[in-house]
């Protein structure tokens, strides 16, 4: 036990400590401000189904797309030591593809929805492979490489549907974006759970987690150990492409239409911040998917809290930026190292006092 405690303090704060502290502080602040902030109620939605409602449900539901994107972004960050800033634009492309297939069918049924989603996945994976090739093969810095799709992606989404913003009227699509009849939990939340399980299974039955961390920590050493660094980087972008397709499809299902200009707008920075708040190094290497998921909920809880305090939408970004900067600074390696040394000194003095007392 002593050995574990010592290694914990020598290594600084645990990776999940910062996001968990952030969640705890936000929960405490909201409970003090409004004791009923996290109350969960049971109500009926527009379709007459019994569903759960309340700020807590809104938070975990509203963060669904962000949490899914953060999982994929974590892999890219860990393998490449950089971030993909085109995820919002790529989601618009995937969403437009999803709608294009649905609108081309005479009627929307389960099979057509699955086909539309698979097409969206293929398109998003191809664009992910494009970004990955620029990074892994041509050695372009990730942010610069993905700036291309960030710039033109929403225009491509615009062309897919001929500049229109077609609507989709279907019980299946409504259920994907809101609630499945008979299930009171929002469908996007269930999708996040499924994606998380898939990542856990992927890491459990393959060596992807170890290979990704190895490439991110030391690419040359990874090559000497037989790891194909180029393939791992490319694969991380392709997996992010799948996450983008899922997030884009959820966004379309929520609204029942595709708007290439507003779908997941500005989600890129929130995704990167979720990864950072989750304790993952933006320079690559070791990572925790769970940390990024918690980081996504931290950002969504902060946003919901600000709106509950009647902060105008124009001011929300400024307040979010201030709080997030504080969280990122507190979780920086410098602060972690200093805190670790401080706690080590405290532990040493406690041991000395205990020895003298004995």
Protein backbone atom coordinates (compact mmCIF):
# COMPACT_ATOMS: atom_id res chain seq x y z
CA UNK A 1 0.00 0.00 0.00
CA UNK A 2 2.84 2.38 0.89
CA UNK A 3 4.59 1.59 -2.38
CA UNK A 4 1.45 2.37 -4.38
CA UNK A 5 0.92 5.63 -2.50
CA UNK A 6 4.51 6.64 -3.05
CA UNK A 7 4.40 5.94 -6.80
CA UNK A 8 1.15 7.88 -7.04
CA UNK A 9 2.64 11.03 -5.50
CA UNK A 10 5.94 10.65 -7.33
CA UNK A 11 4.02 10.57 -10.58
CA UNK A 12 1.96 13.61 -9.63
CA UNK A 13 -1.81 13.62 -9.70
CA UNK A 14 -3.62 10.59 -11.05
CA UNK A 15 -4.77 11.06 -14.64
CA UNK A 16 -8.45 11.10 -13.72
CA UNK A 17 -8.04 13.33 -10.66
CA UNK A 18 -8.47 16.67 -12.46
CA UNK A 19 -11.64 15.78 -14.40
CA UNK A 20 -13.17 14.14 -11.32
CA UNK A 21 -12.36 17.18 -9.19
CA UNK A 22 -13.86 19.43 -11.88
CA UNK A 23 -17.06 17.37 -11.90
CA UNK A 24 -17.20 17.42 -8.09
CA UNK A 25 -16.73 21.20 -7.94
CA UNK A 26 -19.43 21.81 -10.55
CA UNK A 27 -21.82 19.48 -8.71
CA UNK A 28 -21.10 21.21 -5.39
CA UNK A 29 -21.51 24.67 -6.90
CA UNK A 30 -24.84 23.77 -8.47
CA UNK A 31 -26.14 22.12 -5.30
CA UNK A 32 -25.31 25.27 -3.33
CA UNK A 33 -26.78 27.54 -5.99
CA UNK A 34 -29.87 25.42 -6.55
CA UNK A 35 -30.42 22.29 -4.37
CA UNK A 36 -32.87 20.92 -6.92
CA UNK A 37 -30.55 21.35 -9.91
CA UNK A 38 -29.88 17.63 -10.30
CA UNK A 39 -33.38 16.38 -9.58
CA UNK A 40 -34.63 13.81 -12.08
CA UNK A 41 -38.30 13.79 -12.95
CA UNK A 42 -40.56 11.51 -14.94
CA UNK A 43 -42.68 13.07 -17.65
CA UNK A 44 -44.27 12.35 -21.01
CA UNK A 45 -42.72 13.51 -24.27
CA UNK A 46 -44.62 14.69 -27.37
CA UNK A 47 -45.21 11.09 -28.43
CA UNK A 48 -46.81 10.24 -25.09
CA UNK A 49 -43.93 8.05 -23.90
CA UNK A 50 -42.72 8.10 -20.29
CA UNK A 51 -39.21 9.61 -20.20
CA UNK A 52 -36.70 10.93 -17.69
CA UNK A 53 -36.22 14.69 -17.53
CA UNK A 54 -34.10 17.21 -15.64
CA UNK A 55 -30.80 19.04 -15.85
CA UNK A 56 -28.76 15.88 -15.21
CA UNK A 57 -30.48 14.08 -18.08
CA UNK A 58 -29.96 17.13 -20.29
CA UNK A 59 -26.23 17.14 -19.45
CA UNK A 60 -25.54 13.48 -20.19
CA UNK A 61 -27.75 13.64 -23.28
CA UNK A 62 -26.33 16.92 -24.62
CA UNK A 63 -22.75 15.67 -24.27
CA UNK A 64 -23.33 12.51 -26.31
CA UNK A 65 -21.85 13.67 -29.62
CA UNK A 66 -18.95 15.37 -27.83
CA UNK A 67 -18.16 12.25 -25.78
CA UNK A 68 -18.11 10.05 -28.90
CA UNK A 69 -15.86 12.48 -30.79
CA UNK A 70 -13.58 12.77 -27.73
CA UNK A 71 -13.01 9.00 -27.74
CA UNK A 72 -11.82 9.05 -31.34
CA UNK A 73 -9.82 12.23 -30.82
CA UNK A 74 -8.02 10.59 -27.90
CA UNK A 75 -6.59 7.91 -30.20
CA UNK A 76 -5.44 10.46 -32.79
CA UNK A 77 -3.86 12.62 -30.08
CA UNK A 78 -2.11 9.67 -28.45
CA UNK A 79 -0.69 8.28 -31.71
CA UNK A 80 0.13 11.49 -33.56
CA UNK A 81 0.84 14.04 -30.84
CA UNK A 82 -1.61 16.42 -32.50
CA UNK A 83 -5.31 16.98 -33.02
CA UNK A 84 -7.85 16.77 -35.84
CA UNK A 85 -9.58 20.15 -36.12
CA UNK A 86 -11.91 19.01 -38.90
CA UNK A 87 -14.24 16.74 -36.89
CA UNK A 88 -17.15 19.21 -37.04
CA UNK A 89 -16.86 19.65 -40.80
CA UNK A 90 -16.43 15.91 -41.30
CA UNK A 91 -19.55 15.30 -39.17
CA UNK A 92 -21.47 17.66 -41.47
CA UNK A 93 -20.29 15.60 -44.47
CA UNK A 94 -21.29 12.34 -42.77
CA UNK A 95 -24.64 13.81 -41.75
CA UNK A 96 -25.30 15.01 -45.29
CA UNK A 97 -24.49 11.56 -46.64
CA UNK A 98 -26.80 9.99 -44.05
CA UNK A 99 -29.67 12.26 -45.14
CA UNK A 100 -28.92 11.82 -48.87
CA UNK A 101 -29.36 8.05 -48.63
CA UNK A 102 -32.50 8.35 -46.52
CA UNK A 103 -34.11 10.84 -48.91
CA UNK A 104 -33.31 8.68 -51.93
CA UNK A 105 -35.33 5.77 -50.53
CA UNK A 106 -39.08 5.46 -51.25
CA UNK A 107 -39.70 4.89 -47.53
CA UNK A 108 -37.54 4.97 -44.41
CA UNK A 109 -37.31 1.63 -42.63
CA UNK A 110 -34.71 -0.08 -40.46
CA UNK A 111 -32.73 -1.45 -43.38
CA UNK A 112 -32.47 1.94 -45.10
CA UNK A 113 -31.35 3.60 -41.86
CA UNK A 114 -28.60 0.99 -41.41
CA UNK A 115 -27.54 1.43 -45.05
CA UNK A 116 -27.48 5.22 -44.67
CA UNK A 117 -25.38 4.95 -41.52
CA UNK A 118 -22.92 2.54 -43.17
CA UNK A 119 -22.55 4.92 -46.12
CA UNK A 120 -21.93 7.79 -43.71
CA UNK A 121 -19.28 5.67 -41.96
CA UNK A 122 -17.54 4.83 -45.25
CA UNK A 123 -17.46 8.47 -46.34
CA UNK A 124 -16.20 9.66 -42.93
CA UNK A 125 -13.57 6.91 -42.86
CA UNK A 126 -12.35 7.90 -46.33
CA UNK A 127 -11.94 11.51 -45.24
CA UNK A 128 -10.28 10.25 -42.06
CA UNK A 129 -7.90 8.18 -44.19
CA UNK A 130 -7.17 11.31 -46.24
CA UNK A 131 -6.23 13.22 -43.09
CA UNK A 132 -4.30 10.23 -41.78
CA UNK A 133 -2.31 9.88 -44.99
CA UNK A 134 -1.22 13.51 -44.83
CA UNK A 135 -0.10 13.01 -41.23
CA UNK A 136 1.32 9.47 -41.29
CA UNK A 137 2.78 9.27 -44.79
CA UNK A 138 3.63 12.87 -45.64
CA UNK A 139 4.57 13.81 -42.03
CA UNK A 140 2.42 16.95 -41.96
CA UNK A 141 1.56 18.28 -38.50
CA UNK A 142 -2.01 17.09 -37.66
CA UNK A 143 -3.55 20.52 -37.15
CA UNK A 144 -2.14 21.77 -40.46
CA UNK A 145 -3.15 18.60 -42.31
CA UNK A 146 -6.74 18.69 -41.02
CA UNK A 147 -7.03 22.42 -41.66
CA UNK A 148 -7.77 21.51 -45.30
CA UNK A 149 -10.96 19.60 -44.44
CA UNK A 150 -11.82 22.12 -41.73
CA UNK A 151 -11.83 24.82 -44.41
CA UNK A 152 -13.73 23.02 -47.17
CA UNK A 153 -15.66 20.30 -45.33
CA UNK A 154 -18.92 22.19 -44.84
CA UNK A 155 -18.86 23.24 -48.49
CA UNK A 156 -18.63 19.56 -49.45
CA UNK A 157 -21.58 18.85 -47.13
CA UNK A 158 -23.45 21.65 -48.90
CA UNK A 159 -22.82 20.09 -52.33
CA UNK A 160 -23.96 16.61 -51.28
CA UNK A 161 -27.56 17.76 -50.88
CA UNK A 162 -27.42 20.43 -53.57
CA UNK A 163 -27.41 23.28 -51.09
CA UNK A 164 -30.74 22.25 -49.61
CA UNK A 165 -31.54 21.48 -45.96
CA UNK A 166 -33.90 18.51 -46.39
CA UNK A 167 -35.99 17.34 -43.46
CA UNK A 168 -36.57 13.73 -42.45
CA UNK A 169 -39.90 12.61 -41.08
CA UNK A 170 -39.60 9.12 -39.63
CA UNK A 171 -40.37 7.50 -36.26
CA UNK A 172 -37.08 5.59 -36.48
CA UNK A 173 -35.01 8.76 -36.92
CA UNK A 174 -36.97 10.51 -34.15
CA UNK A 175 -36.27 7.58 -31.84
CA UNK A 176 -32.53 7.69 -32.63
CA UNK A 177 -32.39 11.39 -31.79
CA UNK A 178 -34.63 11.35 -28.74
CA UNK A 179 -36.23 8.31 -27.07
CA UNK A 180 -37.02 4.75 -28.08
CA UNK A 181 -40.63 4.01 -27.08
CA UNK A 182 -40.65 2.17 -23.76
CA UNK A 183 -37.11 3.25 -22.81
CA UNK A 184 -37.01 6.40 -20.60
CA UNK A 185 -33.29 7.06 -21.19
CA UNK A 186 -32.35 9.23 -24.23
CA UNK A 187 -31.14 7.13 -27.16
CA UNK A 188 -27.92 9.17 -27.68
CA UNK A 189 -26.88 8.23 -24.12
CA UNK A 190 -27.37 4.55 -24.93
CA UNK A 191 -25.30 5.01 -28.09
CA UNK A 192 -22.46 6.52 -26.03
CA UNK A 193 -22.56 3.46 -23.74
CA UNK A 194 -22.40 1.14 -26.77
CA UNK A 195 -19.47 3.04 -28.32
CA UNK A 196 -17.61 2.97 -24.98
CA UNK A 197 -18.11 -0.79 -24.72
CA UNK A 198 -16.86 -1.25 -28.30
CA UNK A 199 -13.68 0.70 -27.47
CA UNK A 200 -13.15 -1.37 -24.33
CA UNK A 201 -13.60 -4.61 -26.29
CA UNK A 202 -11.25 -3.34 -29.02
CA UNK A 203 -8.54 -2.59 -26.46
CA UNK A 204 -9.17 -5.87 -24.62
CA UNK A 205 -8.98 -8.21 -27.62
CA UNK A 206 -6.27 -6.36 -29.57
CA UNK A 207 -2.98 -4.65 -28.79
CA UNK A 208 -4.15 -1.32 -30.25
CA UNK A 209 -3.95 0.54 -26.94
CA UNK A 210 -0.36 -0.52 -26.29
CA UNK A 211 0.71 0.06 -29.90
CA UNK A 212 -0.89 3.52 -29.96
CA UNK A 213 0.80 4.56 -26.74
CA UNK A 214 4.13 3.15 -27.93
CA UNK A 215 3.99 5.12 -31.18
CA UNK A 216 3.01 8.29 -29.33
CA UNK A 217 5.74 7.97 -26.71
CA UNK A 218 8.63 7.04 -29.00
CA UNK A 219 7.97 6.34 -32.67
CA UNK A 220 11.53 5.17 -33.40
CA UNK A 221 11.52 2.71 -30.50
CA UNK A 222 8.10 1.45 -31.60
CA UNK A 223 9.48 0.73 -35.09
CA UNK A 224 12.42 -1.17 -33.60
CA UNK A 225 9.90 -3.32 -31.74
CA UNK A 226 8.10 -4.19 -34.98
CA UNK A 227 5.21 -1.74 -34.69
CA UNK A 228 4.13 -0.11 -37.93
CA UNK A 229 3.81 3.51 -36.78
CA UNK A 230 2.39 4.68 -40.11
CA UNK A 231 -0.42 2.12 -39.97
CA UNK A 232 -1.26 2.91 -36.33
CA UNK A 233 -1.55 6.64 -37.09
CA UNK A 234 -3.65 5.99 -40.16
CA UNK A 235 -5.88 3.60 -38.22
CA UNK A 236 -6.45 6.17 -35.47
CA UNK A 237 -7.80 8.65 -38.03
CA UNK A 238 -10.03 5.98 -39.59
CA UNK A 239 -11.47 5.07 -36.17
CA UNK A 240 -12.06 8.77 -35.53
CA UNK A 241 -13.93 8.78 -38.85
CA UNK A 242 -16.36 6.16 -37.49
CA UNK A 243 -16.90 8.30 -34.37
CA UNK A 244 -17.52 11.31 -36.61
CA UNK A 245 -20.17 9.37 -38.57
CA UNK A 246 -21.93 8.32 -35.37
CA UNK A 247 -21.90 11.88 -33.99
CA UNK A 248 -23.09 13.34 -37.29
CA UNK A 249 -25.93 10.83 -37.54
CA UNK A 250 -27.04 11.59 -33.97
CA UNK A 251 -26.98 15.32 -34.71
CA UNK A 252 -29.15 14.84 -37.80
CA UNK A 253 -31.56 12.56 -35.91
CA UNK A 254 -31.98 15.11 -33.12
CA UNK A 255 -33.09 17.85 -35.53
CA UNK A 256 -34.75 15.73 -38.20
CA UNK A 257 -32.84 17.64 -40.86
CA UNK A 258 -29.35 18.47 -42.09
CA UNK A 259 -27.97 21.96 -41.83
CA UNK A 260 -24.39 21.85 -43.01
CA UNK A 261 -23.65 25.29 -41.53
CA UNK A 262 -24.75 24.61 -37.95
CA UNK A 263 -24.40 20.85 -37.39
CA UNK A 264 -21.89 20.39 -34.54
CA UNK A 265 -20.52 23.88 -35.16
CA UNK A 266 -17.41 24.73 -33.09
CA UNK A 267 -17.30 21.19 -31.69
CA UNK A 268 -13.61 20.87 -32.64
CA UNK A 269 -12.27 22.94 -29.77
CA UNK A 270 -14.61 21.35 -27.23
CA UNK A 271 -13.43 17.92 -28.39
CA UNK A 272 -9.77 18.83 -27.95
CA UNK A 273 -10.50 20.37 -24.56
CA UNK A 274 -12.37 17.25 -23.47
CA UNK A 275 -9.25 15.21 -24.24
CA UNK A 276 -7.05 17.69 -22.35
CA UNK A 277 -9.36 17.98 -19.34
CA UNK A 278 -9.44 14.19 -19.23
CA UNK A 279 -5.77 14.22 -18.27
CA UNK A 280 -4.44 13.07 -21.64
CA UNK A 281 -1.25 14.65 -22.92
CA UNK A 282 -1.87 16.65 -26.10
CA UNK A 283 1.68 15.72 -27.09
CA UNK A 284 0.78 12.04 -27.44
CA UNK A 285 1.59 8.90 -25.51
CA UNK A 286 -0.38 7.39 -22.64
CA UNK A 287 -4.11 7.97 -22.65
CA UNK A 288 -7.37 7.08 -20.96
CA UNK A 289 -10.59 7.00 -22.97
CA UNK A 290 -12.55 7.30 -19.73
CA UNK A 291 -10.81 10.59 -18.94
CA UNK A 292 -11.90 12.08 -22.26
CA UNK A 293 -15.50 10.97 -21.67
CA UNK A 294 -15.49 12.64 -18.26
CA UNK A 295 -13.93 15.72 -19.87
CA UNK A 296 -16.87 15.89 -22.30
CA UNK A 297 -19.35 15.83 -19.42
CA UNK A 298 -17.35 18.51 -17.59
CA UNK A 299 -17.69 20.83 -20.59
CA UNK A 300 -21.41 20.08 -20.99
CA UNK A 301 -22.10 20.52 -17.27
CA UNK A 302 -20.27 23.84 -17.32
CA UNK A 303 -22.31 24.97 -20.34
CA UNK A 304 -25.60 23.91 -18.73
CA UNK A 305 -24.63 25.64 -15.47
CA UNK A 306 -23.89 28.92 -17.25
CA UNK A 307 -27.20 28.83 -19.10
CA UNK A 308 -29.01 28.04 -15.83
CA UNK A 309 -27.40 31.18 -14.38
CA UNK A 310 -28.99 33.21 -17.20
CA UNK A 311 -25.64 33.90 -18.87
CA UNK A 312 -26.26 35.07 -22.42
CA UNK A 313 -25.19 32.78 -25.25
CA UNK A 314 -22.68 35.40 -26.44
CA UNK A 315 -20.96 35.39 -23.03
CA UNK A 316 -21.02 31.64 -22.42
CA UNK A 317 -17.93 30.99 -24.56
CA UNK A 318 -15.91 33.60 -22.65
CA UNK A 319 -16.84 32.16 -19.25
CA UNK A 320 -16.22 28.63 -20.50
CA UNK A 321 -12.80 29.66 -21.79
CA UNK A 322 -11.79 31.10 -18.40
CA UNK A 323 -12.84 28.00 -16.46
CA UNK A 324 -11.35 25.59 -18.99
CA UNK A 325 -8.02 27.45 -19.03
CA UNK A 326 -7.89 27.11 -15.25
CA UNK A 327 -8.64 23.38 -15.46
CA UNK A 328 -6.04 22.78 -18.16
CA UNK A 329 -3.37 24.77 -16.28
CA UNK A 330 -4.11 22.91 -13.04
CA UNK A 331 -3.82 19.63 -14.93
CA UNK A 332 -0.58 20.61 -16.69
CA UNK A 333 2.56 18.49 -16.12
CA UNK A 334 4.28 21.40 -14.31
CA UNK A 335 1.50 21.81 -11.75
CA UNK A 336 1.14 18.05 -11.37
CA UNK A 337 4.86 17.66 -10.71
CA UNK A 338 4.92 20.47 -8.15
CA UNK A 339 1.85 19.14 -6.38
CA UNK A 340 3.38 15.67 -6.36
CA UNK A 341 6.57 16.99 -4.75
CA UNK A 342 4.54 18.93 -2.18
CA UNK A 343 2.51 15.86 -1.25
CA UNK A 344 5.68 13.79 -1.06
CA UNK A 345 7.14 16.28 1.44
CA UNK A 346 3.93 16.21 3.47
CA UNK A 347 3.98 12.43 3.49
CA UNK A 348 7.64 12.43 4.54
CA UNK A 349 6.97 14.78 7.45
CA UNK A 350 4.01 12.67 8.54
CA UNK A 351 6.22 9.59 8.55
CA UNK A 352 8.89 11.44 10.58
CA UNK A 353 6.28 12.56 13.10
CA UNK A 354 4.94 9.03 13.34
CA UNK A 355 8.47 7.66 13.85
CA UNK A 356 9.19 10.18 16.63
CA UNK A 357 5.88 9.39 18.28
CA UNK A 358 6.72 5.68 18.24
